[in-house]
Amino acid sequence: MMHYFGAKAIVQRLGLKDHRRLPWLIRTWGVPAFPRRHPGRAHTCYYASEAMLCAWELTKAKQCYERLKAKEQDKQE
């Protein structure tokens, strides 16, 4: 399983560019990342795993599907 240490690695994995926006992405989009001590180093940085990000992406896709389905039902009524 892939592990992403640092805002830059996480944002690149999501296909975005500006790593400085990661705290905003966490607050508004609910990106699953949190501060964690980097193995072998004394400082902390943002961390996410591939499993966390895949689960989050699947949840976002499901939410989009449900939203589109609800819109379609509203139009039919």
PDB file of N, CA and C in Angstrom:
ATOM      1  N   MET A   1       0.858  -1.170   0.000  1.00  0.00           N
ATOM      2  CA  MET A   1       0.000   0.000   0.000  1.00  0.00           C
ATOM      3  C   MET A   1       0.904   1.232   0.000  1.00  0.00           C
ATOM      4  N   MET A   2       0.510   2.200  -0.788  1.00  0.00           N
ATOM      5  CA  MET A   2       1.259   3.454  -0.870  1.00  0.00           C
ATOM      6  C   MET A   2       0.942   4.330   0.334  1.00  0.00           C
ATOM      7  N   HIS A   3       1.963   5.030   0.793  1.00  0.00           N
ATOM      8  CA  HIS A   3       1.808   5.996   1.875  1.00  0.00           C
ATOM      9  C   HIS A   3       2.279   7.342   1.351  1.00  0.00           C
ATOM     10  N   TYR A   4       1.527   8.382   1.637  1.00  0.00           N
ATOM     11  CA  TYR A   4       1.858   9.714   1.157  1.00  0.00           C
ATOM     12  C   TYR A   4       2.194  10.594   2.350  1.00  0.00           C
ATOM     13  N   PHE A   5       3.431  11.041   2.412  1.00  0.00           N
ATOM     14  CA  PHE A   5       3.886  11.928   3.476  1.00  0.00           C
ATOM     15  C   PHE A   5       4.121  13.309   2.885  1.00  0.00           C
ATOM     16  N   GLY A   6       3.474  14.293   3.452  1.00  0.00           N
ATOM     17  CA  GLY A   6       3.628  15.672   3.002  1.00  0.00           C
ATOM     18  C   GLY A   6       2.475  16.115   2.130  1.00  0.00           C
ATOM     19  N   ALA A   7       2.154  17.390   2.252  1.00  0.00           N
ATOM     20  CA  ALA A   7       1.035  17.965   1.511  1.00  0.00           C
ATOM     21  C   ALA A   7       1.250  17.839   0.007  1.00  0.00           C
ATOM     22  N   LYS A   8       2.471  18.024  -0.441  1.00  0.00           N
ATOM     23  CA  LYS A   8       2.744  17.979  -1.879  1.00  0.00           C
ATOM     24  C   LYS A   8       2.429  16.602  -2.462  1.00  0.00           C
ATOM     25  N   ALA A   9       2.826  15.546  -1.786  1.00  0.00           N
ATOM     26  CA  ALA A   9       2.577  14.189  -2.270  1.00  0.00           C
ATOM     27  C   ALA A   9       1.081  13.876  -2.289  1.00  0.00           C
ATOM     28  N   ILE A  10       0.366  14.309  -1.257  1.00  0.00           N
ATOM     29  CA  ILE A  10      -1.073  14.037  -1.176  1.00  0.00           C
ATOM     30  C   ILE A  10      -1.812  14.775  -2.283  1.00  0.00           C
ATOM     31  N   VAL A  11      -1.483  16.047  -2.463  1.00  0.00           N
ATOM     32  CA  VAL A  11      -2.165  16.859  -3.477  1.00  0.00           C
ATOM     33  C   VAL A  11      -1.855  16.345  -4.876  1.00  0.00           C
ATOM     34  N   GLN A  12      -0.629  15.915  -5.120  1.00  0.00           N
ATOM     35  CA  GLN A  12      -0.283  15.342  -6.425  1.00  0.00           C
ATOM     36  C   GLN A  12      -1.074  14.062  -6.675  1.00  0.00           C
ATOM     37  N   ARG A  13      -1.238  13.237  -5.655  1.00  0.00           N
ATOM     38  CA  ARG A  13      -2.012  11.994  -5.789  1.00  0.00           C
ATOM     39  C   ARG A  13      -3.455  12.296  -6.176  1.00  0.00           C
ATOM     40  N   LEU A  14      -4.000  13.413  -5.666  1.00  0.00           N
ATOM     41  CA  LEU A  14      -5.368  13.799  -5.984  1.00  0.00           C
ATOM     42  C   LEU A  14      -5.484  14.465  -7.347  1.00  0.00           C
ATOM     43  N   GLY A  15      -4.347  14.731  -7.989  1.00  0.00           N
ATOM     44  CA  GLY A  15      -4.363  15.340  -9.316  1.00  0.00           C
ATOM     45  C   GLY A  15      -4.469  16.846  -9.280  1.00  0.00           C
ATOM     46  N   LEU A  16      -4.125  17.432  -8.151  1.00  0.00           N
ATOM     47  CA  LEU A  16      -4.164  18.886  -8.011  1.00  0.00           C
ATOM     48  C   LEU A  16      -2.736  19.415  -7.957  1.00  0.00           C
ATOM     49  N   LYS A  17      -2.593  20.738  -7.914  1.00  0.00           N
ATOM     50  CA  LYS A  17      -1.252  21.307  -8.011  1.00  0.00           C
ATOM     51  C   LYS A  17      -0.771  22.030  -6.755  1.00  0.00           C
ATOM     52  N   ASP A  18      -1.611  22.829  -6.125  1.00  0.00           N
ATOM     53  CA  ASP A  18      -1.159  23.708  -5.051  1.00  0.00           C
ATOM     54  C   ASP A  18      -1.209  23.018  -3.697  1.00  0.00           C
ATOM     55  N   HIS A  19      -0.057  22.581  -3.207  1.00  0.00           N
ATOM     56  CA  HIS A  19      -0.005  21.864  -1.942  1.00  0.00           C
ATOM     57  C   HIS A  19      -0.335  22.749  -0.742  1.00  0.00           C
ATOM     58  N   ARG A  20      -0.271  24.057  -0.915  1.00  0.00           N
ATOM     59  CA  ARG A  20      -0.586  24.965   0.198  1.00  0.00           C
ATOM     60  C   ARG A  20      -2.074  24.969   0.522  1.00  0.00           C
ATOM     61  N   ARG A  21      -2.896  24.429  -0.360  1.00  0.00           N
ATOM     62  CA  ARG A  21      -4.347  24.403  -0.144  1.00  0.00           C
ATOM     63  C   ARG A  21      -4.822  23.144   0.576  1.00  0.00           C
ATOM     64  N   LEU A  22      -3.910  22.255   0.977  1.00  0.00           N
ATOM     65  CA  LEU A  22      -4.336  21.014   1.612  1.00  0.00           C
ATOM     66  C   LEU A  22      -5.187  21.248   2.858  1.00  0.00           C
ATOM     67  N   PRO A  23      -4.836  22.152   3.766  1.00  0.00           N
ATOM     68  CA  PRO A  23      -5.729  22.380   4.912  1.00  0.00           C
ATOM     69  C   PRO A  23      -7.137  22.803   4.483  1.00  0.00           C
ATOM     70  N   TRP A  24      -7.242  23.617   3.447  1.00  0.00           N
ATOM     71  CA  TRP A  24      -8.549  24.014   2.921  1.00  0.00           C
ATOM     72  C   TRP A  24      -9.276  22.804   2.343  1.00  0.00           C
ATOM     73  N   LEU A  25      -8.573  21.944   1.622  1.00  0.00           N
ATOM     74  CA  LEU A  25      -9.176  20.746   1.058  1.00  0.00           C
ATOM     75  C   LEU A  25      -9.682  19.812   2.152  1.00  0.00           C
ATOM     76  N   ILE A  26      -8.947  19.715   3.238  1.00  0.00           N
ATOM     77  CA  ILE A  26      -9.370  18.878   4.360  1.00  0.00           C
ATOM     78  C   ILE A  26     -10.655  19.427   4.974  1.00  0.00           C
ATOM     79  N   ARG A  27     -10.704  20.753   5.176  1.00  0.00           N
ATOM     80  CA  ARG A  27     -11.885  21.374   5.794  1.00  0.00           C
ATOM     81  C   ARG A  27     -13.106  21.343   4.896  1.00  0.00           C
ATOM     82  N   THR A  28     -12.952  21.646   3.601  1.00  0.00           N
ATOM     83  CA  THR A  28     -14.107  21.801   2.726  1.00  0.00           C
ATOM     84  C   THR A  28     -14.499  20.513   1.995  1.00  0.00           C
ATOM     85  N   TRP A  29     -13.546  19.753   1.514  1.00  0.00           N
ATOM     86  CA  TRP A  29     -13.844  18.537   0.772  1.00  0.00           C
ATOM     87  C   TRP A  29     -13.808  17.292   1.647  1.00  0.00           C
ATOM     88  N   GLY A  30     -13.214  17.418   2.828  1.00  0.00           N
ATOM     89  CA  GLY A  30     -13.104  16.262   3.708  1.00  0.00           C
ATOM     90  C   GLY A  30     -12.007  15.299   3.305  1.00  0.00           C
ATOM     91  N   VAL A  31     -10.961  15.800   2.670  1.00  0.00           N
ATOM     92  CA  VAL A  31      -9.842  14.949   2.263  1.00  0.00           C
ATOM     93  C   VAL A  31      -9.270  14.279   3.516  1.00  0.00           C
ATOM     94  N   PRO A  32      -9.125  12.957   3.495  1.00  0.00           N
ATOM     95  CA  PRO A  32      -8.641  12.243   4.680  1.00  0.00           C
ATOM     96  C   PRO A  32      -7.122  12.322   4.828  1.00  0.00           C
ATOM     97  N   ALA A  33      -6.662  13.348   5.486  1.00  0.00           N
ATOM     98  CA  ALA A  33      -5.234  13.508   5.764  1.00  0.00           C
ATOM     99  C   ALA A  33      -5.107  14.104   7.154  1.00  0.00           C
ATOM    100  N   PHE A  34      -4.027  13.790   7.824  1.00  0.00           N
ATOM    101  CA  PHE A  34      -3.827  14.303   9.171  1.00  0.00           C
ATOM    102  C   PHE A  34      -2.329  14.441   9.454  1.00  0.00           C
ATOM    103  N   PRO A  35      -1.980  15.315  10.407  1.00  0.00           N
ATOM    104  CA  PRO A  35      -0.569  15.458  10.758  1.00  0.00           C
ATOM    105  C   PRO A  35      -0.049  14.194  11.453  1.00  0.00           C
ATOM    106  N   ARG A  36       1.112  13.772  11.048  1.00  0.00           N
ATOM    107  CA  ARG A  36       1.729  12.569  11.615  1.00  0.00           C
ATOM    108  C   ARG A  36       3.238  12.728  11.547  1.00  0.00           C
ATOM    109  N   ARG A  37       3.922  12.137  12.495  1.00  0.00           N
ATOM    110  CA  ARG A  37       5.379  12.195  12.475  1.00  0.00           C
ATOM    111  C   ARG A  37       5.901  11.344  11.325  1.00  0.00           C
ATOM    112  N   HIS A  38       6.786  11.912  10.550  1.00  0.00           N
ATOM    113  CA  HIS A  38       7.389  11.203   9.422  1.00  0.00           C
ATOM    114  C   HIS A  38       8.357  10.163   9.985  1.00  0.00           C
ATOM    115  N   PRO A  39       8.271   8.902   9.532  1.00  0.00           N
ATOM    116  CA  PRO A  39       9.175   7.865  10.048  1.00  0.00           C
ATOM    117  C   PRO A  39      10.645   8.238   9.839  1.00  0.00           C
ATOM    118  N   GLY A  40      11.414   8.147  10.891  1.00  0.00           N
ATOM    119  CA  GLY A  40      12.834   8.434  10.804  1.00  0.00           C
ATOM    120  C   GLY A  40      13.186   9.906  10.871  1.00  0.00           C
ATOM    121  N   ARG A  41      12.197  10.751  11.043  1.00  0.00           N
ATOM    122  CA  ARG A  41      12.450  12.192  11.133  1.00  0.00           C
ATOM    123  C   ARG A  41      11.763  12.742  12.366  1.00  0.00           C
ATOM    124  N   ALA A  42      12.199  13.907  12.792  1.00  0.00           N
ATOM    125  CA  ALA A  42      11.678  14.491  14.024  1.00  0.00           C
ATOM    126  C   ALA A  42      10.461  15.382  13.807  1.00  0.00           C
ATOM    127  N   HIS A  43      10.164  15.753  12.571  1.00  0.00           N
ATOM    128  CA  HIS A  43       9.062  16.686  12.342  1.00  0.00           C
ATOM    129  C   HIS A  43       7.780  15.962  11.902  1.00  0.00           C
ATOM    130  N   THR A  44       6.682  16.674  12.010  1.00  0.00           N
ATOM    131  CA  THR A  44       5.410  16.121  11.555  1.00  0.00           C
ATOM    132  C   THR A  44       5.052  16.727  10.199  1.00  0.00           C
ATOM    133  N   CYS A  45       4.287  15.974   9.445  1.00  0.00           N
ATOM    134  CA  CYS A  45       3.787  16.443   8.161  1.00  0.00           C
ATOM    135  C   CYS A  45       2.444  15.765   7.925  1.00  0.00           C
ATOM    136  N   TYR A  46       1.729  16.199   6.913  1.00  0.00           N
ATOM    137  CA  TYR A  46       0.453  15.573   6.612  1.00  0.00           C
ATOM    138  C   TYR A  46       0.684  14.173   6.063  1.00  0.00           C
ATOM    139  N   TYR A  47      -0.224  13.268   6.412  1.00  0.00           N
ATOM    140  CA  TYR A  47      -0.113  11.870   5.994  1.00  0.00           C
ATOM    141  C   TYR A  47      -1.454  11.380   5.454  1.00  0.00           C
ATOM    142  N   ALA A  48      -1.403  10.552   4.441  1.00  0.00           N
ATOM    143  CA  ALA A  48      -2.571   9.828   3.932  1.00  0.00           C
ATOM    144  C   ALA A  48      -2.068   8.539   3.288  1.00  0.00           C
ATOM    145  N   SER A  49      -2.900   7.528   3.316  1.00  0.00           N
ATOM    146  CA  SER A  49      -2.540   6.268   2.654  1.00  0.00           C
ATOM    147  C   SER A  49      -3.416   6.088   1.422  1.00  0.00           C
ATOM    148  N   GLU A  50      -3.013   5.197   0.562  1.00  0.00           N
ATOM    149  CA  GLU A  50      -3.782   4.924  -0.652  1.00  0.00           C
ATOM    150  C   GLU A  50      -5.177   4.415  -0.301  1.00  0.00           C
ATOM    151  N   ALA A  51      -5.271   3.583   0.723  1.00  0.00           N
ATOM    152  CA  ALA A  51      -6.574   3.048   1.129  1.00  0.00           C
ATOM    153  C   ALA A  51      -7.503   4.168   1.593  1.00  0.00           C
ATOM    154  N   MET A  52      -6.964   5.111   2.355  1.00  0.00           N
ATOM    155  CA  MET A  52      -7.767   6.246   2.825  1.00  0.00           C
ATOM    156  C   MET A  52      -8.287   7.056   1.644  1.00  0.00           C
ATOM    157  N   LEU A  53      -7.410   7.358   0.709  1.00  0.00           N
ATOM    158  CA  LEU A  53      -7.791   8.189  -0.429  1.00  0.00           C
ATOM    159  C   LEU A  53      -8.752   7.464  -1.370  1.00  0.00           C
ATOM    160  N   CYS A  54      -8.562   6.161  -1.569  1.00  0.00           N
ATOM    161  CA  CYS A  54      -9.482   5.394  -2.422  1.00  0.00           C
ATOM    162  C   CYS A  54     -10.873   5.344  -1.801  1.00  0.00           C
ATOM    163  N   ALA A  55     -10.940   5.099  -0.501  1.00  0.00           N
ATOM    164  CA  ALA A  55     -12.241   5.059   0.176  1.00  0.00           C
ATOM    165  C   ALA A  55     -12.931   6.416   0.079  1.00  0.00           C
ATOM    166  N   TRP A  56     -12.174   7.490   0.246  1.00  0.00           N
ATOM    167  CA  TRP A  56     -12.732   8.846   0.155  1.00  0.00           C
ATOM    168  C   TRP A  56     -13.257   9.112  -1.260  1.00  0.00           C
ATOM    169  N   GLU A  57     -12.481   8.715  -2.275  1.00  0.00           N
ATOM    170  CA  GLU A  57     -12.910   8.921  -3.661  1.00  0.00           C
ATOM    171  C   GLU A  57     -14.174   8.121  -3.978  1.00  0.00           C
ATOM    172  N   LEU A  58     -14.251   6.895  -3.495  1.00  0.00           N
ATOM    173  CA  LEU A  58     -15.448   6.094  -3.722  1.00  0.00           C
ATOM    174  C   LEU A  58     -16.664   6.705  -3.033  1.00  0.00           C
ATOM    175  N   THR A  59     -16.466   7.240  -1.852  1.00  0.00           N
ATOM    176  CA  THR A  59     -17.558   7.903  -1.135  1.00  0.00           C
ATOM    177  C   THR A  59     -18.022   9.133  -1.884  1.00  0.00           C
ATOM    178  N   LYS A  60     -17.083   9.929  -2.398  1.00  0.00           N
ATOM    179  CA  LYS A  60     -17.441  11.116  -3.175  1.00  0.00           C
ATOM    180  C   LYS A  60     -18.217  10.729  -4.440  1.00  0.00           C
ATOM    181  N   ALA A  61     -17.798   9.669  -5.103  1.00  0.00           N
ATOM    182  CA  ALA A  61     -18.491   9.207  -6.308  1.00  0.00           C
ATOM    183  C   ALA A  61     -19.907   8.750  -5.969  1.00  0.00           C
ATOM    184  N   LYS A  62     -20.056   8.037  -4.862  1.00  0.00           N
ATOM    185  CA  LYS A  62     -21.384   7.584  -4.424  1.00  0.00           C
ATOM    186  C   LYS A  62     -22.280   8.780  -4.110  1.00  0.00           C
ATOM    187  N   GLN A  63     -21.734   9.806  -3.449  1.00  0.00           N
ATOM    188  CA  GLN A  63     -22.507  11.004  -3.140  1.00  0.00           C
ATOM    189  C   GLN A  63     -22.954  11.705  -4.419  1.00  0.00           C
ATOM    190  N   CYS A  64     -22.088  11.779  -5.394  1.00  0.00           N
ATOM    191  CA  CYS A  64     -22.424  12.401  -6.668  1.00  0.00           C
ATOM    192  C   CYS A  64     -23.534  11.616  -7.361  1.00  0.00           C
ATOM    193  N   TYR A  65     -23.434  10.313  -7.362  1.00  0.00           N
ATOM    194  CA  TYR A  65     -24.457   9.452  -7.955  1.00  0.00           C
ATOM    195  C   TYR A  65     -25.811   9.690  -7.281  1.00  0.00           C
ATOM    196  N   GLU A  66     -25.815   9.702  -5.948  1.00  0.00           N
ATOM    197  CA  GLU A  66     -27.062   9.899  -5.206  1.00  0.00           C
ATOM    198  C   GLU A  66     -27.659  11.280  -5.485  1.00  0.00           C
ATOM    199  N   ARG A  67     -26.818  12.284  -5.587  1.00  0.00           N
ATOM    200  CA  ARG A  67     -27.280  13.644  -5.868  1.00  0.00           C
ATOM    201  C   ARG A  67     -27.907  13.727  -7.260  1.00  0.00           C
ATOM    202  N   LEU A  68     -27.253  13.129  -8.260  1.00  0.00           N
ATOM    203  CA  LEU A  68     -27.790  13.123  -9.618  1.00  0.00           C
ATOM    204  C   LEU A  68     -29.103  12.333  -9.703  1.00  0.00           C
ATOM    205  N   LYS A  69     -29.151  11.226  -9.000  1.00  0.00           N
ATOM    206  CA  LYS A  69     -30.359  10.404  -8.990  1.00  0.00           C
ATOM    207  C   LYS A  69     -31.524  11.162  -8.347  1.00  0.00           C
ATOM    208  N   ALA A  70     -31.261  11.891  -7.260  1.00  0.00           N
ATOM    209  CA  ALA A  70     -32.300  12.676  -6.588  1.00  0.00           C
ATOM    210  C   ALA A  70     -32.791  13.809  -7.493  1.00  0.00           C
ATOM    211  N   LYS A  71     -31.886  14.453  -8.212  1.00  0.00           N
ATOM    212  CA  LYS A  71     -32.268  15.511  -9.166  1.00  0.00           C
ATOM    213  C   LYS A  71     -33.180  14.968 -10.245  1.00  0.00           C
ATOM    214  N   GLU A  72     -32.831  13.794 -10.757  1.00  0.00           N
ATOM    215  CA  GLU A  72     -33.626  13.166 -11.816  1.00  0.00           C
ATOM    216  C   GLU A  72     -35.029  12.823 -11.307  1.00  0.00           C
ATOM    217  N   GLN A  73     -35.116  12.338 -10.084  1.00  0.00           N
ATOM    218  CA  GLN A  73     -36.416  12.009  -9.501  1.00  0.00           C
ATOM    219  C   GLN A  73     -37.255  13.259  -9.291  1.00  0.00           C
ATOM    220  N   ASP A  74     -36.623  14.338  -8.877  1.00  0.00           N
ATOM    221  CA  ASP A  74     -37.340  15.606  -8.689  1.00  0.00           C
ATOM    222  C   ASP A  74     -37.914  16.110 -10.006  1.00  0.00           C
ATOM    223  N   LYS A  75     -37.174  15.937 -11.095  1.00  0.00           N
ATOM    224  CA  LYS A  75     -37.661  16.381 -12.404  1.00  0.00           C
ATOM    225  C   LYS A  75     -38.844  15.559 -12.859  1.00  0.00           C
ATOM    226  N   GLN A  76     -38.864  14.281 -12.535  1.00  0.00           N
ATOM    227  CA  GLN A  76     -39.942  13.400 -12.961  1.00  0.00           C
ATOM    228  C   GLN A  76     -41.226  13.647 -12.168  1.00  0.00           C
ATOM    229  N   GLU A  77     -41.115  14.177 -10.979  1.00  0.00           N
ATOM    230  CA  GLU A  77     -42.311  14.415 -10.148  1.00  0.00           C
ATOM    231  C   GLU A  77     -42.998  15.689 -10.457  1.00  0.00           C
TER     232      GLU A  77
END
